Amino acid sequence: MYALKFSTSFVNTLPHKTMSTELCITVNGTEVWLQGEGDEVILMLHGWPDTRALWDGTVDALQDRATCARITLPGFETGPSSTSLADMCQLLRQIVDRISPDKPVTLMVHDWGCIFGYEFAMRHADRVARVVAVDVGDHNSGALLRGWGAKEKLSVMGYQVWLALAWKLGGRLGTRMTRAMARWLRCPTEPERITHQMNYPYAMQWFGTAGGFKGAAQIQLPMPLLFVYGERKPFMFHSAQWLDKVAATPGSAVQGLPCGHWVMISRPEAFHARVREWHWGQA
């Protein structure tokens, strides 16, 4: 399917599947890993403190219907120490044009992947057919800020500024601070894979690093959206108005699941079944 230079490695998939080949291409210094069958492409973007490995189970669940493409966000493992919102959107455009030149992709996003992904989808709506967003909705809306009480606002500021400071300090101390926060937040990522480098979006948010997010638009997606969120969290990353708006939009849908922030890890069967039902009309 891809007339490109790539490296191959064989990976185990679900028990009822045969061994499949994962292909790797490089786009502007970023590795893009592709696996699956079918002409449709799903581009998956993770958040903090994760890598492309977050989507391992999702690739297993969806690769029979689509080609699943994954990246590790630049700077999280290798690459520049931070990437601006504009540069991230440009990189995503280059990736999409390379892996699906003739058809728009489905965007599947989580956490900071939502924030970068929403902006890309709005700036380049012709390259995105639909969006599956997990646990982060109208992140920059007044409705969300008004919906948080004092406790929620202090909690959000506390952990985010801590991580922004850890990125600023860097080195072993910054990584120790980051891993401590990851333990406190019960992140499923292996601690040894977590470093302070993954925190630069928080520095963008609080310190204006790499231009910050002041240029991010209010979320108005022109394509269908499936929004899936965890119901068991101390605070939400979406407003009640956001849920109502998405649910009332033709072709879009909302699904809450009894879990925390990492929905695809905590409730994989329910998450993947809902995605398949919404996307293809079957679980």
Protein backbone atom coordinates (compact mmCIF):
# COMPACT_ATOMS: atom_id res chain seq x y z
CA MET A 1 0.00 0.00 0.00
CA TYR A 2 2.89 2.37 0.76
CA ALA A 3 5.58 2.91 -1.88
CA LEU A 4 7.89 4.26 0.79
CA LYS A 5 11.12 3.35 2.50
CA PHE A 6 10.37 1.68 5.79
CA SER A 7 11.67 -0.67 8.43
CA THR A 8 9.57 -3.63 9.49
CA SER A 9 9.08 -5.51 12.72
CA PHE A 10 6.65 -8.26 13.59
CA VAL A 11 4.36 -7.78 16.55
CA ASN A 12 1.85 -9.98 18.34
CA THR A 13 -1.80 -9.09 17.90
CA LEU A 14 -4.99 -10.50 19.36
CA PRO A 15 -5.11 -14.30 19.72
CA HIS A 16 -7.54 -14.78 16.81
CA LYS A 17 -5.41 -12.69 14.45
CA THR A 18 -2.36 -13.72 12.51
CA MET A 19 0.97 -11.99 12.86
CA SER A 20 0.87 -8.63 11.09
CA THR A 21 3.57 -6.31 9.90
CA GLU A 22 4.13 -2.88 11.39
CA LEU A 23 5.75 -0.40 9.03
CA CYS A 24 7.72 2.67 10.03
CA ILE A 25 8.26 5.74 7.88
CA THR A 26 9.84 9.04 8.86
CA VAL A 27 8.14 12.37 8.16
CA ASN A 28 10.12 15.50 8.95
CA GLY A 29 12.12 13.67 11.61
CA THR A 30 9.11 11.99 13.26
CA GLU A 31 8.59 8.25 13.06
CA VAL A 32 5.13 7.20 11.91
CA TRP A 33 4.18 3.58 12.62
CA LEU A 34 1.49 1.96 10.47
CA GLN A 35 -0.32 -1.31 11.00
CA GLY A 36 -3.56 -2.77 9.72
CA GLU A 37 -5.70 -3.55 6.71
CA GLY A 38 -7.92 -1.33 4.59
CA ASP A 39 -7.63 1.94 2.74
CA GLU A 40 -8.96 4.09 5.59
CA VAL A 41 -6.34 5.59 7.90
CA ILE A 42 -6.78 6.35 11.60
CA LEU A 43 -4.11 8.69 12.98
CA MET A 44 -3.69 8.31 16.74
CA LEU A 45 -2.27 11.05 18.98
CA HIS A 46 -1.47 10.46 22.65
CA GLY A 47 -0.94 12.88 25.53
CA TRP A 48 0.95 13.04 28.83
CA PRO A 49 2.95 11.06 29.91
CA ASP A 50 2.53 8.58 27.11
CA THR A 51 3.97 7.49 23.78
CA ARG A 52 2.53 5.72 20.76
CA ALA A 53 2.43 2.58 22.95
CA LEU A 54 -0.75 3.97 24.57
CA TRP A 55 -2.65 2.77 21.50
CA ASP A 56 -1.30 -0.81 21.35
CA GLY A 57 -4.61 -2.37 22.34
CA THR A 58 -6.59 -0.02 20.12
CA VAL A 59 -4.50 -0.97 17.10
CA ASP A 60 -5.16 -4.63 17.86
CA ALA A 61 -8.89 -3.93 18.06
CA LEU A 62 -9.21 -1.83 14.89
CA GLN A 63 -6.54 -3.00 12.49
CA ASP A 64 -8.88 -5.42 10.72
CA ARG A 65 -10.89 -2.45 9.40
CA ALA A 66 -8.33 0.33 8.99
CA THR A 67 -4.69 1.21 8.75
CA CYS A 68 -3.72 2.55 12.17
CA ALA A 69 -1.00 5.22 12.22
CA ARG A 70 0.76 6.29 15.40
CA ILE A 71 3.43 8.74 16.40
CA THR A 72 5.13 9.68 19.62
CA LEU A 73 4.70 13.44 19.94
CA PRO A 74 7.94 15.26 19.09
CA GLY A 75 9.99 16.00 22.18
CA PHE A 76 8.43 13.29 24.31
CA GLU A 77 11.26 10.87 23.54
CA THR A 78 13.38 12.50 20.85
CA GLY A 79 13.33 15.69 18.85
CA PRO A 80 13.05 19.36 19.88
CA SER A 81 12.52 20.24 23.52
CA SER A 82 9.20 21.86 22.61
CA THR A 83 7.01 22.24 19.53
CA SER A 84 4.72 25.20 18.94
CA LEU A 85 1.05 24.76 18.15
CA ALA A 86 1.59 26.00 14.59
CA ASP A 87 4.57 23.69 14.03
CA MET A 88 2.63 20.72 15.41
CA CYS A 89 -0.24 21.40 13.02
CA GLN A 90 2.21 21.70 10.15
CA LEU A 91 3.83 18.38 11.10
CA LEU A 92 0.44 16.66 11.31
CA ARG A 93 -0.47 18.02 7.88
CA GLN A 94 2.76 16.62 6.45
CA ILE A 95 2.08 13.25 8.07
CA VAL A 96 -1.50 13.05 6.83
CA ASP A 97 -0.49 14.09 3.31
CA ARG A 98 2.12 11.33 3.32
CA ILE A 99 0.09 8.45 4.74
CA SER A 100 -3.28 9.27 3.15
CA PRO A 101 -2.73 11.62 0.21
CA ASP A 102 -6.07 10.98 -1.48
CA LYS A 103 -8.49 10.65 1.45
CA PRO A 104 -9.03 12.48 4.75
CA VAL A 105 -8.15 10.53 7.87
CA THR A 106 -9.94 9.72 11.09
CA LEU A 107 -8.23 11.44 14.00
CA MET A 108 -8.14 9.59 17.34
CA VAL A 109 -6.84 11.74 20.18
CA HIS A 110 -6.34 11.70 23.95
CA ASP A 111 -5.24 14.29 26.52
CA TRP A 112 -2.79 16.78 24.90
CA GLY A 113 -3.36 14.90 21.68
CA CYS A 114 -6.89 16.34 21.80
CA ILE A 115 -5.64 19.91 22.07
CA PHE A 116 -3.14 19.56 19.23
CA GLY A 117 -5.57 17.41 17.23
CA TYR A 118 -8.56 19.75 17.53
CA GLU A 119 -6.49 22.66 16.28
CA PHE A 120 -5.19 20.61 13.36
CA ALA A 121 -8.70 19.46 12.47
CA MET A 122 -10.01 23.02 12.44
CA ARG A 123 -7.08 24.42 10.48
CA HIS A 124 -7.05 21.57 7.97
CA ALA A 125 -10.66 20.38 7.90
CA ASP A 126 -10.25 18.99 4.38
CA ARG A 127 -7.77 16.39 5.71
CA VAL A 128 -9.90 15.08 8.61
CA ALA A 129 -13.09 13.07 8.01
CA ARG A 130 -14.05 12.50 11.64
CA VAL A 131 -12.61 12.69 15.16
CA VAL A 132 -12.64 10.28 18.09
CA ALA A 133 -11.64 12.33 21.14
CA VAL A 134 -10.96 10.81 24.55
CA ASP A 135 -11.49 12.68 27.82
CA VAL A 136 -10.57 16.26 26.82
CA GLY A 137 -13.26 18.43 25.30
CA ASP A 138 -13.71 22.21 25.30
CA HIS A 139 -10.45 22.76 27.15
CA ASN A 140 -10.29 26.53 26.56
CA SER A 141 -13.94 27.46 26.97
CA GLY A 142 -15.41 29.82 29.53
CA ALA A 143 -18.06 27.20 30.29
CA LEU A 144 -15.42 24.73 31.49
CA LEU A 145 -13.69 27.30 33.68
CA ARG A 146 -17.01 28.39 35.19
CA GLY A 147 -17.96 24.78 35.81
CA TRP A 148 -14.90 24.15 38.00
CA GLY A 149 -15.19 25.08 41.65
CA ALA A 150 -12.30 26.47 43.68
CA LYS A 151 -11.11 22.97 44.59
CA GLU A 152 -11.03 21.83 40.97
CA LYS A 153 -9.24 24.97 39.82
CA LEU A 154 -6.58 24.61 42.51
CA SER A 155 -6.12 20.92 41.71
CA VAL A 156 -5.67 21.56 38.00
CA MET A 157 -3.28 24.45 38.59
CA GLY A 158 -1.34 22.46 41.18
CA TYR A 159 -0.45 19.45 39.10
CA GLN A 160 0.00 21.37 35.85
CA VAL A 161 2.31 24.05 37.26
CA TRP A 162 4.29 21.31 39.04
CA LEU A 163 4.86 19.57 35.71
CA ALA A 164 5.67 22.84 33.95
CA LEU A 165 8.28 23.58 36.61
CA ALA A 166 9.68 20.06 36.27
CA TRP A 167 10.15 20.68 32.55
CA LYS A 168 11.83 24.01 33.27
CA LEU A 169 14.21 22.48 35.82
CA GLY A 170 14.96 19.48 33.62
CA GLY A 171 17.54 16.82 34.36
CA ARG A 172 17.19 14.19 37.04
CA LEU A 173 15.28 16.46 39.38
CA GLY A 174 12.73 17.31 36.70
CA THR A 175 12.25 13.66 35.85
CA ARG A 176 11.89 12.68 39.53
CA MET A 177 9.25 15.38 39.95
CA THR A 178 7.44 14.16 36.83
CA ARG A 179 7.42 10.52 37.92
CA ALA A 180 6.21 11.48 41.39
CA MET A 181 3.26 13.33 39.89
CA ALA A 182 2.56 10.44 37.52
CA ARG A 183 2.36 8.08 40.52
CA TRP A 184 0.05 10.46 42.35
CA LEU A 185 -2.23 10.68 39.29
CA ARG A 186 -2.11 6.87 38.87
CA CYS A 187 -0.80 7.02 35.33
CA PRO A 188 -0.61 3.57 33.73
CA THR A 189 2.62 4.37 31.85
CA GLU A 190 5.72 2.52 33.07
CA PRO A 191 7.67 4.93 35.32
CA GLU A 192 10.96 4.25 33.58
CA ARG A 193 9.50 5.59 30.33
CA ILE A 194 8.42 8.90 31.88
CA THR A 195 10.75 11.92 31.76
CA HIS A 196 10.52 15.67 32.24
CA GLN A 197 10.72 16.08 28.45
CA MET A 198 7.06 15.05 28.20
CA ASN A 199 5.94 18.10 30.17
CA TYR A 200 6.48 20.84 27.62
CA PRO A 201 2.76 21.25 26.82
CA TYR A 202 2.29 22.31 30.46
CA ALA A 203 5.08 24.87 30.05
CA MET A 204 3.27 26.09 26.94
CA GLN A 205 0.08 26.41 28.94
CA TRP A 206 1.48 28.20 31.99
CA PHE A 207 4.71 29.88 30.85
CA GLY A 208 3.90 30.60 27.22
CA THR A 209 6.74 28.37 26.04
CA ALA A 210 6.94 28.05 22.24
CA GLY A 211 4.18 30.61 21.89
CA GLY A 212 1.78 28.85 24.26
CA PHE A 213 -1.85 28.18 23.40
CA LYS A 214 -3.19 31.71 23.15
CA GLY A 215 -3.65 31.16 19.43
CA ALA A 216 -5.77 28.04 19.93
CA ALA A 217 -9.30 28.46 18.60
CA GLN A 218 -12.47 27.65 20.52
CA ILE A 219 -13.46 24.11 19.62
CA GLN A 220 -15.84 24.17 16.66
CA LEU A 221 -15.27 20.99 14.71
CA PRO A 222 -16.83 20.88 11.24
CA MET A 223 -16.70 17.08 11.09
CA PRO A 224 -18.46 14.33 13.11
CA LEU A 225 -17.09 13.70 16.61
CA LEU A 226 -17.31 10.77 18.99
CA PHE A 227 -16.40 12.04 22.46
CA VAL A 228 -15.64 9.33 25.03
CA TYR A 229 -14.79 10.27 28.60
CA GLY A 230 -14.13 8.71 31.98
CA GLU A 231 -16.87 9.37 34.53
CA ARG A 232 -14.82 8.62 37.66
CA LYS A 233 -12.43 11.55 38.01
CA PRO A 234 -12.07 14.35 40.58
CA PHE A 235 -12.71 16.87 37.78
CA MET A 236 -13.69 16.81 34.14
CA PHE A 237 -11.91 18.28 31.14
CA HIS A 238 -15.17 19.22 29.43
CA SER A 239 -18.22 21.26 30.31
CA ALA A 240 -21.81 20.05 30.53
CA GLN A 241 -22.60 22.36 27.62
CA TRP A 242 -19.96 20.61 25.52
CA LEU A 243 -21.62 17.24 26.07
CA ASP A 244 -25.02 18.64 25.15
CA LYS A 245 -23.67 20.30 22.02
CA VAL A 246 -21.85 17.19 20.78
CA ALA A 247 -24.80 14.92 21.54
CA ALA A 248 -27.15 17.23 19.60
CA THR A 249 -24.91 17.42 16.53
CA PRO A 250 -26.01 15.08 13.71
CA GLY A 251 -23.47 12.31 13.20
CA SER A 252 -21.73 12.97 16.51
CA ALA A 253 -22.09 11.13 19.81
CA VAL A 254 -21.07 11.16 23.48
CA GLN A 255 -20.15 8.14 25.59
CA GLY A 256 -19.24 8.14 29.28
CA LEU A 257 -17.58 5.07 30.77
CA PRO A 258 -17.09 4.13 34.46
CA CYS A 259 -13.34 4.78 34.67
CA GLY A 260 -10.71 7.48 34.93
CA HIS A 261 -8.71 9.45 32.38
CA TRP A 262 -7.07 6.58 30.46
CA VAL A 263 -10.28 5.14 29.05
CA MET A 264 -8.62 2.92 26.43
CA ILE A 265 -6.56 1.24 29.18
CA SER A 266 -9.21 0.98 31.92
CA ARG A 267 -12.19 -0.02 29.74
CA PRO A 268 -10.68 -1.28 26.47
CA GLU A 269 -13.50 -3.61 25.41
CA ALA A 270 -16.22 -1.00 25.92
CA PHE A 271 -14.16 1.75 24.30
CA HIS A 272 -13.24 -0.25 21.23
CA ALA A 273 -16.79 -1.57 20.80
CA ARG A 274 -18.18 1.96 20.94
CA VAL A 275 -15.66 3.21 18.40
CA ARG A 276 -16.46 0.37 16.01
CA GLU A 277 -20.21 0.86 16.42
CA TRP A 278 -20.02 4.61 15.79
CA HIS A 279 -17.53 4.36 12.97
CA TRP A 280 -18.67 1.27 11.07
CA GLY A 281 -22.04 0.42 12.57
CA GLN A 282 -20.84 -2.79 14.19
CA ALA A 283 -18.94 -3.83 17.29
